[in-house]
C-alpha cells in the first residue's frame, strides 16, 4: 500500500518541526553525553513495546481495591489505543517511517543511532506514544491530580525516545499523544460510569469487583 494524501500532507505541513526535533535529538547523540543518551533512550523505548509494561502495571493495580479503578481504566484506554492507532489509523494513513527515504537526513541519523531498531509498521501515529499517553492519562484522571500529572513525564520520555532512535517523526509522537489522551479520557468516563453502577448494586459479583483486595486476603491468611 502506498502512502496516502494525508501522509503527504503531514510530511509537507510538519516538515520543519519534524526536521528540527530530529536534528535536536541527533545533537544529543553528538554531544559529550551521547554515550549516555544512546543507552538511555533505547532502554526507555522498551517500556512502550506492545504496551506490555503498562498492561502489567494495570493488572497489578487491579489486585488492590484502591487501584482497581485505575487499573481498569488503563486497560480499557490501552485497548482503545490499540484499536484506533494500530488497527485503524496506521494502516489507513500509511505514513512511511522517517528512515524509509535513503536520501534523507532522517535516514542518515537513523543509521547512526537507531539502525537495527526499525519497524515495518507505518509511522503515524506512534503506537508507543498512544499507549504511553493512554495509560498515563488514566493514572492522571484516577489519581490525585495535584501529583498525578507527573505520570506524563514517563510518557513524554518514551515519546521522545522514539524520535531519538529516529523511528518516528515528532508529529507522529504528537499525533499519538493526542490519540492516547483521548482514549484515556474515554476509558475514564466509561469506567467511572461502570463503577458507579457496580457500587449501587448488591449482586455478589459487583460487591467482589468493588471491594476485593489482595492485601486484605493476605492479612487474613497471616491471622
N, C-alpha and C. Protein backbone atom coordinates (compact mmCIF):
# COMPACT_ATOMS: atom_id res chain seq x y z
N UNK A 1 0.84 -1.20 0.00
CA UNK A 1 0.00 0.00 0.00
C UNK A 1 0.88 1.25 0.00
N UNK A 2 0.61 2.18 -0.91
CA UNK A 2 1.38 3.41 -0.95
C UNK A 2 0.88 4.40 0.08
N UNK A 3 1.69 5.42 0.34
CA UNK A 3 1.28 6.43 1.32
C UNK A 3 0.10 7.21 0.78
N UNK A 4 -0.71 7.73 1.67
CA UNK A 4 -1.94 8.43 1.30
C UNK A 4 -1.69 9.93 1.16
N UNK A 5 -2.73 10.61 0.69
CA UNK A 5 -2.66 12.06 0.56
C UNK A 5 -2.49 12.71 1.93
N UNK A 6 -3.10 12.12 2.95
CA UNK A 6 -2.95 12.67 4.29
C UNK A 6 -1.52 12.51 4.79
N UNK A 7 -0.89 11.39 4.45
CA UNK A 7 0.52 11.20 4.82
C UNK A 7 1.39 12.24 4.14
N UNK A 8 1.10 12.54 2.88
CA UNK A 8 1.85 13.57 2.16
C UNK A 8 1.62 14.94 2.79
N UNK A 9 0.39 15.19 3.24
CA UNK A 9 0.08 16.46 3.90
C UNK A 9 0.86 16.58 5.21
N UNK A 10 0.93 15.50 5.96
CA UNK A 10 1.70 15.51 7.21
C UNK A 10 3.16 15.85 6.93
N UNK A 11 3.73 15.21 5.92
CA UNK A 11 5.14 15.44 5.59
C UNK A 11 5.38 16.89 5.20
N UNK A 12 4.46 17.47 4.44
CA UNK A 12 4.63 18.85 3.98
C UNK A 12 4.37 19.86 5.10
N UNK A 13 3.35 19.61 5.88
CA UNK A 13 2.94 20.58 6.90
C UNK A 13 3.90 20.63 8.09
N UNK A 14 4.38 19.47 8.49
CA UNK A 14 5.20 19.40 9.70
C UNK A 14 6.68 19.13 9.42
N UNK A 15 7.10 19.33 8.18
CA UNK A 15 8.49 19.03 7.84
C UNK A 15 9.47 19.86 8.65
N UNK A 16 9.14 21.14 8.88
CA UNK A 16 10.03 22.00 9.65
C UNK A 16 10.18 21.52 11.08
N UNK A 17 9.07 21.27 11.73
CA UNK A 17 9.10 20.78 13.12
C UNK A 17 9.78 19.42 13.20
N UNK A 18 9.41 18.52 12.30
CA UNK A 18 9.97 17.17 12.34
C UNK A 18 11.49 17.20 12.15
N UNK A 19 11.95 18.02 11.22
CA UNK A 19 13.39 18.11 10.97
C UNK A 19 14.12 18.72 12.16
N UNK A 20 13.53 19.78 12.74
CA UNK A 20 14.18 20.47 13.85
C UNK A 20 14.31 19.56 15.07
N UNK A 21 13.25 18.85 15.40
CA UNK A 21 13.28 17.98 16.58
C UNK A 21 14.20 16.79 16.34
N UNK A 22 14.17 16.25 15.13
CA UNK A 22 15.08 15.14 14.80
C UNK A 22 16.53 15.59 14.89
N UNK A 23 16.81 16.80 14.40
CA UNK A 23 18.17 17.33 14.47
C UNK A 23 18.59 17.56 15.93
N UNK A 24 17.66 18.04 16.75
CA UNK A 24 17.96 18.23 18.17
C UNK A 24 18.32 16.90 18.81
N UNK A 25 17.54 15.86 18.50
CA UNK A 25 17.82 14.53 19.05
C UNK A 25 19.20 14.05 18.62
N UNK A 26 19.53 14.30 17.36
CA UNK A 26 20.84 13.87 16.86
C UNK A 26 21.96 14.66 17.52
N UNK A 27 21.69 15.94 17.85
CA UNK A 27 22.71 16.74 18.52
C UNK A 27 23.01 16.19 19.91
N UNK A 28 22.01 15.59 20.57
CA UNK A 28 22.26 14.93 21.85
C UNK A 28 23.19 13.73 21.66
N UNK A 29 22.97 12.99 20.60
CA UNK A 29 23.83 11.85 20.27
C UNK A 29 25.26 12.31 20.02
N UNK A 30 25.41 13.47 19.40
CA UNK A 30 26.73 14.00 19.06
C UNK A 30 27.41 14.70 20.23
N UNK A 31 26.66 14.97 21.29
CA UNK A 31 27.21 15.71 22.42
C UNK A 31 28.13 14.84 23.27
N UNK A 32 28.75 15.47 24.28
CA UNK A 32 29.65 14.73 25.17
C UNK A 32 28.92 13.64 25.93
N UNK A 33 27.63 13.83 26.15
CA UNK A 33 26.83 12.83 26.88
C UNK A 33 26.16 11.85 25.93
N UNK A 34 26.58 11.84 24.68
CA UNK A 34 25.94 11.00 23.68
C UNK A 34 25.91 9.53 24.04
N UNK A 35 26.99 9.03 24.62
CA UNK A 35 27.03 7.62 25.01
C UNK A 35 25.96 7.27 26.02
N UNK A 36 25.73 8.20 26.95
CA UNK A 36 24.69 8.00 27.96
C UNK A 36 23.31 7.99 27.31
N UNK A 37 23.04 8.96 26.43
CA UNK A 37 21.74 9.03 25.77
C UNK A 37 21.52 7.82 24.85
N UNK A 38 22.59 7.34 24.25
CA UNK A 38 22.47 6.17 23.35
C UNK A 38 22.07 4.91 24.11
N UNK A 39 22.34 4.88 25.39
CA UNK A 39 21.90 3.75 26.22
C UNK A 39 20.53 4.03 26.85
N UNK A 40 20.32 5.29 27.25
CA UNK A 40 19.10 5.64 27.96
C UNK A 40 17.85 5.50 27.09
N UNK A 41 17.85 6.14 25.93
CA UNK A 41 16.62 6.20 25.14
C UNK A 41 16.22 4.87 24.50
N UNK A 42 17.15 4.06 24.00
CA UNK A 42 16.74 2.72 23.55
C UNK A 42 16.16 1.88 24.70
N UNK A 43 16.67 2.12 25.93
CA UNK A 43 16.12 1.41 27.09
C UNK A 43 14.70 1.90 27.39
N UNK A 44 14.51 3.23 27.39
CA UNK A 44 13.19 3.78 27.69
C UNK A 44 12.15 3.35 26.67
N UNK A 45 12.57 3.22 25.42
CA UNK A 45 11.60 2.85 24.38
C UNK A 45 11.04 1.45 24.59
N UNK A 46 11.78 0.61 25.32
CA UNK A 46 11.31 -0.75 25.60
C UNK A 46 10.02 -0.75 26.42
N UNK A 47 9.84 0.28 27.26
CA UNK A 47 8.67 0.32 28.13
C UNK A 47 7.38 0.54 27.35
N UNK A 48 7.51 0.99 26.11
CA UNK A 48 6.31 1.18 25.29
C UNK A 48 6.05 0.06 24.32
N UNK A 49 6.94 -0.92 24.26
CA UNK A 49 6.80 -2.02 23.30
C UNK A 49 5.53 -2.83 23.56
N UNK A 50 4.60 -2.74 22.65
CA UNK A 50 3.37 -3.52 22.76
C UNK A 50 2.49 -3.15 23.94
N UNK A 51 2.84 -2.08 24.66
CA UNK A 51 2.07 -1.70 25.84
C UNK A 51 2.17 -2.70 26.98
N UNK A 52 3.13 -3.65 26.87
CA UNK A 52 3.21 -4.75 27.83
C UNK A 52 3.49 -4.24 29.25
N UNK A 53 4.39 -3.27 29.37
CA UNK A 53 4.72 -2.73 30.69
C UNK A 53 3.48 -2.12 31.34
N UNK A 54 2.73 -1.34 30.57
CA UNK A 54 1.55 -0.68 31.12
C UNK A 54 0.45 -1.69 31.45
N UNK A 55 0.35 -2.73 30.64
CA UNK A 55 -0.62 -3.79 30.93
C UNK A 55 -0.27 -4.47 32.26
N UNK A 56 1.02 -4.73 32.47
CA UNK A 56 1.46 -5.37 33.71
C UNK A 56 1.15 -4.48 34.91
N UNK A 57 1.41 -3.18 34.79
CA UNK A 57 1.10 -2.25 35.88
C UNK A 57 -0.40 -2.24 36.15
N UNK A 58 -1.20 -2.23 35.09
CA UNK A 58 -2.65 -2.22 35.24
C UNK A 58 -3.15 -3.47 35.95
N UNK A 59 -2.60 -4.61 35.60
CA UNK A 59 -3.02 -5.87 36.23
C UNK A 59 -2.70 -5.86 37.72
N UNK A 60 -1.53 -5.34 38.07
CA UNK A 60 -1.17 -5.23 39.49
C UNK A 60 -2.15 -4.31 40.21
N UNK A 61 -2.50 -3.19 39.58
CA UNK A 61 -3.45 -2.26 40.19
C UNK A 61 -4.81 -2.92 40.43
N UNK A 62 -5.20 -3.82 39.54
CA UNK A 62 -6.50 -4.49 39.68
C UNK A 62 -6.60 -5.34 40.94
N UNK A 63 -5.45 -5.75 41.47
CA UNK A 63 -5.44 -6.61 42.65
C UNK A 63 -5.83 -5.87 43.93
N UNK A 64 -5.76 -4.55 43.89
CA UNK A 64 -5.99 -3.76 45.09
C UNK A 64 -7.25 -2.90 44.93
N UNK A 65 -8.01 -2.82 45.99
CA UNK A 65 -9.26 -2.05 45.94
C UNK A 65 -9.01 -0.60 45.54
N UNK A 66 -7.99 0.01 46.12
CA UNK A 66 -7.72 1.42 45.83
C UNK A 66 -7.22 1.66 44.41
N UNK A 67 -6.61 0.63 43.83
CA UNK A 67 -6.05 0.81 42.49
C UNK A 67 -6.90 0.21 41.38
N UNK A 68 -8.03 -0.42 41.75
CA UNK A 68 -8.79 -1.17 40.75
C UNK A 68 -9.34 -0.26 39.65
N UNK A 69 -9.85 0.90 40.03
CA UNK A 69 -10.40 1.79 39.00
C UNK A 69 -9.29 2.27 38.07
N UNK A 70 -8.13 2.55 38.63
CA UNK A 70 -7.00 2.97 37.79
C UNK A 70 -6.59 1.85 36.84
N UNK A 71 -6.46 0.64 37.37
CA UNK A 71 -6.06 -0.48 36.54
C UNK A 71 -7.05 -0.76 35.42
N UNK A 72 -8.34 -0.73 35.75
CA UNK A 72 -9.37 -0.98 34.74
C UNK A 72 -9.36 0.11 33.68
N UNK A 73 -9.19 1.35 34.11
CA UNK A 73 -9.15 2.47 33.16
C UNK A 73 -7.94 2.36 32.25
N UNK A 74 -6.79 1.97 32.81
CA UNK A 74 -5.59 1.80 31.99
C UNK A 74 -5.81 0.73 30.92
N UNK A 75 -6.38 -0.40 31.31
CA UNK A 75 -6.57 -1.50 30.35
C UNK A 75 -7.52 -1.10 29.23
N UNK A 76 -8.62 -0.45 29.57
CA UNK A 76 -9.57 -0.03 28.54
C UNK A 76 -8.96 1.05 27.65
N UNK A 77 -8.20 1.97 28.25
CA UNK A 77 -7.54 3.02 27.47
C UNK A 77 -6.54 2.41 26.49
N UNK A 78 -5.78 1.42 26.94
CA UNK A 78 -4.82 0.75 26.07
C UNK A 78 -5.53 -0.01 24.95
N UNK A 79 -6.65 -0.62 25.27
CA UNK A 79 -7.43 -1.32 24.24
C UNK A 79 -7.95 -0.34 23.19
N UNK A 80 -8.49 0.78 23.64
CA UNK A 80 -8.96 1.81 22.71
C UNK A 80 -7.81 2.29 21.83
N UNK A 81 -6.64 2.51 22.45
CA UNK A 81 -5.48 2.97 21.69
C UNK A 81 -5.04 1.98 20.63
N UNK A 82 -5.06 0.69 21.00
CA UNK A 82 -4.72 -0.36 20.04
C UNK A 82 -5.66 -0.34 18.85
N UNK A 83 -6.95 -0.25 19.12
CA UNK A 83 -7.94 -0.27 18.05
C UNK A 83 -7.82 0.95 17.14
N UNK A 84 -7.66 2.12 17.76
CA UNK A 84 -7.64 3.36 16.98
C UNK A 84 -6.33 3.52 16.21
N UNK A 85 -5.21 3.36 16.91
CA UNK A 85 -3.91 3.61 16.28
C UNK A 85 -3.43 2.44 15.43
N UNK A 86 -3.28 1.29 16.05
CA UNK A 86 -2.64 0.18 15.35
C UNK A 86 -3.52 -0.48 14.30
N UNK A 87 -4.81 -0.55 14.56
CA UNK A 87 -5.68 -1.24 13.63
C UNK A 87 -6.36 -0.31 12.63
N UNK A 88 -6.47 0.97 12.95
CA UNK A 88 -7.17 1.89 12.06
C UNK A 88 -6.25 2.94 11.44
N UNK A 89 -5.71 3.83 12.25
CA UNK A 89 -5.02 5.00 11.71
C UNK A 89 -3.71 4.66 11.00
N UNK A 90 -2.89 3.80 11.59
CA UNK A 90 -1.60 3.50 10.96
C UNK A 90 -1.78 2.97 9.54
N UNK A 91 -2.64 1.99 9.39
CA UNK A 91 -2.86 1.40 8.07
C UNK A 91 -3.66 2.32 7.16
N UNK A 92 -4.57 3.09 7.76
CA UNK A 92 -5.38 3.99 6.95
C UNK A 92 -4.59 5.16 6.39
N UNK A 93 -3.65 5.67 7.18
CA UNK A 93 -2.84 6.82 6.75
C UNK A 93 -1.60 6.38 5.98
N UNK A 94 -1.01 5.28 6.41
CA UNK A 94 0.13 4.66 5.72
C UNK A 94 1.30 5.62 5.51
N UNK A 95 1.69 6.29 6.59
CA UNK A 95 2.85 7.19 6.50
C UNK A 95 4.12 6.37 6.69
N UNK A 96 5.05 6.43 5.73
CA UNK A 96 6.30 5.67 5.87
C UNK A 96 7.14 6.18 7.04
N UNK A 97 7.99 5.32 7.55
CA UNK A 97 8.90 5.70 8.63
C UNK A 97 9.91 6.74 8.13
N UNK A 98 10.47 7.53 9.07
CA UNK A 98 11.43 8.57 8.65
C UNK A 98 12.62 8.02 7.86
N UNK A 99 13.07 6.82 8.20
CA UNK A 99 14.26 6.25 7.56
C UNK A 99 13.94 5.59 6.22
N UNK A 100 12.67 5.65 5.78
CA UNK A 100 12.29 4.97 4.53
C UNK A 100 12.96 5.61 3.32
N UNK A 101 13.23 6.91 3.38
CA UNK A 101 13.90 7.62 2.29
C UNK A 101 15.41 7.58 2.53
N UNK A 102 16.11 6.78 1.75
CA UNK A 102 17.55 6.59 1.96
C UNK A 102 18.37 7.83 1.64
N UNK A 103 17.75 8.83 1.04
CA UNK A 103 18.48 10.05 0.69
C UNK A 103 18.18 11.19 1.66
N UNK A 104 17.44 10.89 2.71
CA UNK A 104 17.05 11.93 3.66
C UNK A 104 18.02 12.02 4.82
N UNK A 105 17.96 13.16 5.50
CA UNK A 105 18.74 13.34 6.72
C UNK A 105 18.28 12.37 7.80
N UNK A 106 16.98 12.10 7.82
CA UNK A 106 16.44 11.16 8.81
C UNK A 106 17.11 9.80 8.68
N UNK A 107 17.34 9.36 7.45
CA UNK A 107 17.97 8.06 7.22
C UNK A 107 19.41 8.07 7.75
N UNK A 108 20.12 9.18 7.51
CA UNK A 108 21.49 9.31 8.00
C UNK A 108 21.53 9.24 9.52
N UNK A 109 20.62 9.97 10.16
CA UNK A 109 20.55 9.96 11.62
C UNK A 109 20.20 8.56 12.14
N UNK A 110 19.26 7.92 11.48
CA UNK A 110 18.82 6.59 11.90
C UNK A 110 19.96 5.58 11.80
N UNK A 111 20.77 5.68 10.75
CA UNK A 111 21.91 4.78 10.62
C UNK A 111 22.89 4.95 11.78
N UNK A 112 23.00 6.18 12.27
CA UNK A 112 23.95 6.45 13.35
C UNK A 112 23.41 6.02 14.72
N UNK A 113 22.09 6.09 14.90
CA UNK A 113 21.52 5.86 16.23
C UNK A 113 20.60 4.65 16.29
N UNK A 114 19.66 4.57 15.37
CA UNK A 114 18.58 3.60 15.51
C UNK A 114 18.65 2.39 14.61
N UNK A 115 19.72 2.24 13.85
CA UNK A 115 19.81 1.10 12.93
C UNK A 115 19.71 -0.21 13.71
N UNK A 116 18.83 -1.08 13.24
CA UNK A 116 18.57 -2.32 13.96
C UNK A 116 17.33 -2.25 14.81
N UNK A 117 16.78 -1.03 14.98
CA UNK A 117 15.56 -0.84 15.76
C UNK A 117 14.39 -0.48 14.86
N UNK A 118 14.52 -0.80 13.57
CA UNK A 118 13.48 -0.43 12.63
C UNK A 118 12.19 -1.23 12.86
N UNK A 119 11.13 -0.71 12.32
CA UNK A 119 9.81 -1.34 12.44
C UNK A 119 9.10 -1.18 11.11
N UNK A 120 8.54 -2.27 10.60
CA UNK A 120 7.90 -2.23 9.29
C UNK A 120 6.48 -1.68 9.34
N UNK A 121 5.91 -1.51 10.54
CA UNK A 121 4.57 -0.93 10.65
C UNK A 121 4.67 0.56 10.32
N UNK A 122 3.60 1.12 9.80
CA UNK A 122 3.60 2.53 9.41
C UNK A 122 3.83 3.44 10.61
N UNK A 123 4.06 4.73 10.29
CA UNK A 123 4.63 5.65 11.27
C UNK A 123 3.62 6.46 12.08
N UNK A 124 2.51 6.87 11.47
CA UNK A 124 1.60 7.82 12.12
C UNK A 124 0.27 7.18 12.47
N UNK A 125 -0.18 7.40 13.71
CA UNK A 125 0.52 8.00 14.85
C UNK A 125 1.38 6.96 15.56
N UNK A 126 2.23 7.41 16.45
CA UNK A 126 3.12 6.50 17.17
C UNK A 126 2.33 5.60 18.13
N UNK A 127 2.54 4.30 17.99
CA UNK A 127 1.90 3.36 18.91
C UNK A 127 2.43 3.48 20.32
N UNK A 128 3.75 3.74 20.44
CA UNK A 128 4.35 3.91 21.76
C UNK A 128 3.76 5.13 22.47
N UNK A 129 3.63 6.24 21.73
CA UNK A 129 3.07 7.45 22.32
C UNK A 129 1.60 7.25 22.66
N UNK A 130 0.88 6.56 21.79
CA UNK A 130 -0.53 6.29 22.07
C UNK A 130 -0.69 5.50 23.36
N UNK A 131 0.06 4.41 23.48
CA UNK A 131 -0.04 3.56 24.68
C UNK A 131 0.39 4.32 25.93
N UNK A 132 1.50 5.05 25.83
CA UNK A 132 2.02 5.78 27.00
C UNK A 132 1.04 6.82 27.49
N UNK A 133 0.51 7.62 26.56
CA UNK A 133 -0.40 8.69 26.97
C UNK A 133 -1.77 8.15 27.36
N UNK A 134 -2.20 7.05 26.75
CA UNK A 134 -3.47 6.44 27.16
C UNK A 134 -3.37 5.96 28.60
N UNK A 135 -2.30 5.24 28.91
CA UNK A 135 -2.12 4.70 30.26
C UNK A 135 -1.91 5.81 31.29
N UNK A 136 -1.09 6.79 30.95
CA UNK A 136 -0.78 7.84 31.91
C UNK A 136 -1.93 8.83 32.08
N UNK A 137 -2.76 8.99 31.07
CA UNK A 137 -3.97 9.80 31.24
C UNK A 137 -4.92 9.11 32.22
N UNK A 138 -4.98 7.79 32.13
CA UNK A 138 -5.78 7.02 33.10
C UNK A 138 -5.27 7.24 34.51
N UNK A 139 -3.97 7.18 34.69
CA UNK A 139 -3.37 7.41 36.01
C UNK A 139 -3.66 8.82 36.49
N UNK A 140 -3.53 9.78 35.60
CA UNK A 140 -3.77 11.18 35.96
C UNK A 140 -5.21 11.41 36.41
N UNK A 141 -6.16 10.90 35.63
CA UNK A 141 -7.57 11.15 35.93
C UNK A 141 -8.06 10.39 37.15
N UNK A 142 -7.50 9.21 37.39
CA UNK A 142 -7.94 8.39 38.52
C UNK A 142 -7.21 8.73 39.81
N UNK A 143 -6.10 9.43 39.71
CA UNK A 143 -5.30 9.72 40.89
C UNK A 143 -5.56 11.10 41.46
N UNK A 144 -4.75 11.48 42.42
CA UNK A 144 -4.78 12.82 43.00
C UNK A 144 -4.12 13.77 42.00
N UNK A 145 -4.91 14.61 41.36
CA UNK A 145 -4.39 15.40 40.24
C UNK A 145 -3.38 16.46 40.67
N UNK A 146 -3.25 16.65 41.97
CA UNK A 146 -2.22 17.57 42.45
C UNK A 146 -0.84 17.00 42.15
N UNK A 147 -0.75 15.66 42.12
CA UNK A 147 0.53 14.99 41.89
C UNK A 147 0.51 14.08 40.66
N UNK A 148 -0.66 13.57 40.30
CA UNK A 148 -0.71 12.55 39.25
C UNK A 148 -0.33 13.07 37.87
N UNK A 149 -0.27 14.41 37.71
CA UNK A 149 0.19 14.94 36.42
C UNK A 149 1.62 14.51 36.12
N UNK A 150 2.35 14.13 37.18
CA UNK A 150 3.74 13.67 36.99
C UNK A 150 3.79 12.39 36.17
N UNK A 151 2.67 11.71 36.05
CA UNK A 151 2.62 10.49 35.24
C UNK A 151 2.94 10.77 33.78
N UNK A 152 2.75 12.02 33.37
CA UNK A 152 3.03 12.35 31.97
C UNK A 152 4.53 12.43 31.67
N UNK A 153 5.36 12.52 32.71
CA UNK A 153 6.81 12.59 32.47
C UNK A 153 7.32 11.33 31.77
N UNK A 154 7.03 10.12 32.28
CA UNK A 154 7.48 8.93 31.54
C UNK A 154 6.86 8.83 30.16
N UNK A 155 5.63 9.29 29.99
CA UNK A 155 5.01 9.26 28.67
C UNK A 155 5.78 10.14 27.69
N UNK A 156 6.18 11.32 28.15
CA UNK A 156 6.96 12.23 27.31
C UNK A 156 8.33 11.65 26.98
N UNK A 157 8.96 11.03 27.97
CA UNK A 157 10.28 10.44 27.74
C UNK A 157 10.21 9.27 26.76
N UNK A 158 9.19 8.44 26.89
CA UNK A 158 9.04 7.33 25.96
C UNK A 158 8.77 7.86 24.56
N UNK A 159 7.94 8.89 24.47
CA UNK A 159 7.68 9.50 23.17
C UNK A 159 8.94 10.06 22.54
N UNK A 160 9.72 10.78 23.33
CA UNK A 160 10.95 11.36 22.78
C UNK A 160 11.96 10.27 22.42
N UNK A 161 11.93 9.16 23.13
CA UNK A 161 12.87 8.08 22.82
C UNK A 161 12.67 7.57 21.40
N UNK A 162 11.43 7.62 20.92
CA UNK A 162 11.13 7.18 19.56
C UNK A 162 11.72 8.13 18.52
N UNK A 163 11.76 9.40 18.87
CA UNK A 163 12.39 10.38 17.99
C UNK A 163 13.90 10.22 18.05
N UNK A 164 14.42 9.99 19.25
CA UNK A 164 15.87 9.88 19.42
C UNK A 164 16.45 8.75 18.58
N UNK A 165 15.77 7.60 18.56
CA UNK A 165 16.30 6.49 17.76
C UNK A 165 15.86 6.57 16.30
N UNK A 166 15.21 7.69 15.97
CA UNK A 166 14.90 8.04 14.58
C UNK A 166 13.94 7.06 13.89
N UNK A 167 13.01 6.51 14.65
CA UNK A 167 12.00 5.64 14.04
C UNK A 167 10.64 6.34 13.94
N UNK A 168 10.58 7.58 14.44
CA UNK A 168 9.34 8.36 14.35
C UNK A 168 9.66 9.83 14.11
N UNK A 169 8.77 10.48 13.40
CA UNK A 169 8.78 11.94 13.32
C UNK A 169 8.19 12.51 14.61
N UNK A 170 8.53 13.76 14.91
CA UNK A 170 7.94 14.42 16.08
C UNK A 170 6.42 14.49 15.94
N UNK A 171 5.94 14.72 14.72
CA UNK A 171 4.49 14.80 14.51
C UNK A 171 3.80 13.46 14.76
N UNK A 172 4.51 12.36 14.57
CA UNK A 172 3.96 11.04 14.93
C UNK A 172 3.69 10.97 16.43
N UNK A 173 4.64 11.51 17.19
CA UNK A 173 4.52 11.48 18.65
C UNK A 173 3.38 12.37 19.11
N UNK A 174 3.28 13.57 18.52
CA UNK A 174 2.18 14.47 18.87
C UNK A 174 0.84 13.81 18.55
N UNK A 175 0.76 13.20 17.37
CA UNK A 175 -0.47 12.50 17.00
C UNK A 175 -0.81 11.38 17.96
N UNK A 176 0.20 10.60 18.33
CA UNK A 176 -0.02 9.51 19.29
C UNK A 176 -0.42 10.02 20.65
N UNK A 177 0.18 11.15 21.07
CA UNK A 177 -0.17 11.73 22.37
C UNK A 177 -1.62 12.19 22.39
N UNK A 178 -2.07 12.79 21.29
CA UNK A 178 -3.46 13.25 21.22
C UNK A 178 -4.42 12.06 21.25
N UNK A 179 -4.13 11.06 20.41
CA UNK A 179 -4.99 9.87 20.38
C UNK A 179 -5.00 9.18 21.74
N UNK A 180 -3.81 9.01 22.32
CA UNK A 180 -3.72 8.33 23.61
C UNK A 180 -4.47 9.07 24.71
N UNK A 181 -4.35 10.39 24.73
CA UNK A 181 -5.05 11.18 25.73
C UNK A 181 -6.56 11.05 25.58
N UNK A 182 -7.04 11.12 24.35
CA UNK A 182 -8.48 10.97 24.10
C UNK A 182 -8.97 9.58 24.50
N UNK A 183 -8.15 8.56 24.22
CA UNK A 183 -8.51 7.20 24.62
C UNK A 183 -8.55 7.07 26.14
N UNK A 184 -7.61 7.73 26.81
CA UNK A 184 -7.59 7.72 28.27
C UNK A 184 -8.82 8.38 28.86
N UNK A 185 -9.22 9.51 28.29
CA UNK A 185 -10.42 10.22 28.77
C UNK A 185 -11.67 9.37 28.53
N UNK A 186 -11.77 8.78 27.33
CA UNK A 186 -12.93 7.93 27.02
C UNK A 186 -13.02 6.74 27.97
N UNK A 187 -11.87 6.13 28.24
CA UNK A 187 -11.85 4.98 29.16
C UNK A 187 -12.23 5.41 30.57
N UNK A 188 -11.75 6.55 31.00
CA UNK A 188 -12.07 7.06 32.34
C UNK A 188 -13.58 7.30 32.49
N UNK A 189 -14.20 7.89 31.48
CA UNK A 189 -15.64 8.14 31.52
C UNK A 189 -16.42 6.82 31.57
N UNK A 190 -15.97 5.86 30.77
CA UNK A 190 -16.65 4.56 30.74
C UNK A 190 -16.52 3.82 32.07
N UNK A 191 -15.30 3.77 32.60
CA UNK A 191 -15.08 3.04 33.86
C UNK A 191 -15.73 3.76 35.03
N UNK A 192 -15.74 5.08 35.02
CA UNK A 192 -16.41 5.83 36.09
C UNK A 192 -17.90 5.48 36.12
N UNK A 193 -18.51 5.45 34.94
CA UNK A 193 -19.93 5.08 34.85
C UNK A 193 -20.15 3.65 35.33
N UNK A 194 -19.28 2.73 34.89
CA UNK A 194 -19.43 1.32 35.24
C UNK A 194 -19.25 1.09 36.74
N UNK A 195 -18.25 1.75 37.34
CA UNK A 195 -18.01 1.57 38.77
C UNK A 195 -19.15 2.16 39.61
N UNK A 196 -19.77 3.22 39.14
CA UNK A 196 -20.92 3.77 39.86
C UNK A 196 -22.08 2.78 39.83
N UNK A 197 -22.23 2.11 38.69
CA UNK A 197 -23.27 1.07 38.58
C UNK A 197 -22.96 -0.08 39.54
N UNK A 198 -21.69 -0.47 39.60
CA UNK A 198 -21.29 -1.57 40.48
C UNK A 198 -21.50 -1.20 41.95
N UNK A 199 -21.18 0.05 42.29
CA UNK A 199 -21.29 0.48 43.69
C UNK A 199 -22.74 0.49 44.17
N UNK A 200 -23.66 0.69 43.22
CA UNK A 200 -25.08 0.74 43.57
C UNK A 200 -25.73 -0.63 43.55
N UNK A 201 -24.98 -1.64 43.16
CA UNK A 201 -25.53 -2.99 43.04
C UNK A 201 -25.21 -3.82 44.27
N UNK A 202 -26.13 -4.72 44.61
CA UNK A 202 -25.93 -5.63 45.73
C UNK A 202 -25.56 -7.04 45.26
N UNK A 203 -25.35 -7.20 43.96
CA UNK A 203 -25.01 -8.51 43.43
C UNK A 203 -23.62 -8.92 43.91
N UNK A 204 -23.41 -10.21 44.19
CA UNK A 204 -22.11 -10.68 44.68
C UNK A 204 -20.94 -10.31 43.77
N UNK A 205 -21.15 -10.42 42.47
CA UNK A 205 -20.07 -10.10 41.53
C UNK A 205 -19.69 -8.63 41.63
N UNK A 206 -20.70 -7.77 41.74
CA UNK A 206 -20.45 -6.33 41.86
C UNK A 206 -19.73 -6.01 43.16
N UNK A 207 -20.15 -6.65 44.24
CA UNK A 207 -19.50 -6.43 45.54
C UNK A 207 -18.06 -6.90 45.51
N UNK A 208 -17.81 -8.01 44.83
CA UNK A 208 -16.44 -8.51 44.73
C UNK A 208 -15.58 -7.54 43.93
N UNK A 209 -16.09 -7.06 42.81
CA UNK A 209 -15.33 -6.15 41.94
C UNK A 209 -14.97 -4.87 42.67
N UNK A 210 -15.90 -4.35 43.45
CA UNK A 210 -15.66 -3.06 44.10
C UNK A 210 -14.92 -3.17 45.43
N UNK A 211 -14.93 -4.34 46.07
CA UNK A 211 -14.38 -4.43 47.42
C UNK A 211 -13.22 -5.40 47.61
N UNK A 212 -13.03 -6.34 46.71
CA UNK A 212 -11.96 -7.33 46.88
C UNK A 212 -10.60 -6.65 46.92
N UNK A 213 -9.74 -7.15 47.81
CA UNK A 213 -8.40 -6.56 47.95
C UNK A 213 -7.42 -7.65 48.36
N UNK A 214 -6.38 -7.83 47.60
CA UNK A 214 -5.41 -8.89 47.89
C UNK A 214 -4.72 -8.67 49.23
N UNK A 215 -4.53 -7.40 49.63
CA UNK A 215 -3.89 -7.12 50.92
C UNK A 215 -4.76 -7.65 52.07
N UNK A 216 -6.06 -7.44 51.97
CA UNK A 216 -6.98 -7.95 52.99
C UNK A 216 -6.93 -9.47 53.04
N UNK A 217 -6.85 -10.09 51.88
CA UNK A 217 -6.78 -11.55 51.80
C UNK A 217 -5.49 -12.07 52.45
N UNK A 218 -4.38 -11.38 52.18
CA UNK A 218 -3.10 -11.80 52.75
C UNK A 218 -3.08 -11.63 54.27
N UNK A 219 -3.69 -10.56 54.76
CA UNK A 219 -3.74 -10.32 56.21
C UNK A 219 -4.56 -11.41 56.90
N UNK A 220 -5.63 -11.83 56.25
CA UNK A 220 -6.47 -12.90 56.81
C UNK A 220 -5.70 -14.21 56.88
N UNK A 221 -4.86 -14.47 55.88
CA UNK A 221 -4.07 -15.70 55.86
C UNK A 221 -3.04 -15.68 56.98
N UNK A 222 -2.47 -14.48 57.26
CA UNK A 222 -1.47 -14.37 58.32
C UNK A 222 -2.09 -14.66 59.69
N UNK A 223 -3.33 -14.22 59.88
CA UNK A 223 -4.03 -14.46 61.14
C UNK A 223 -4.38 -15.94 61.27
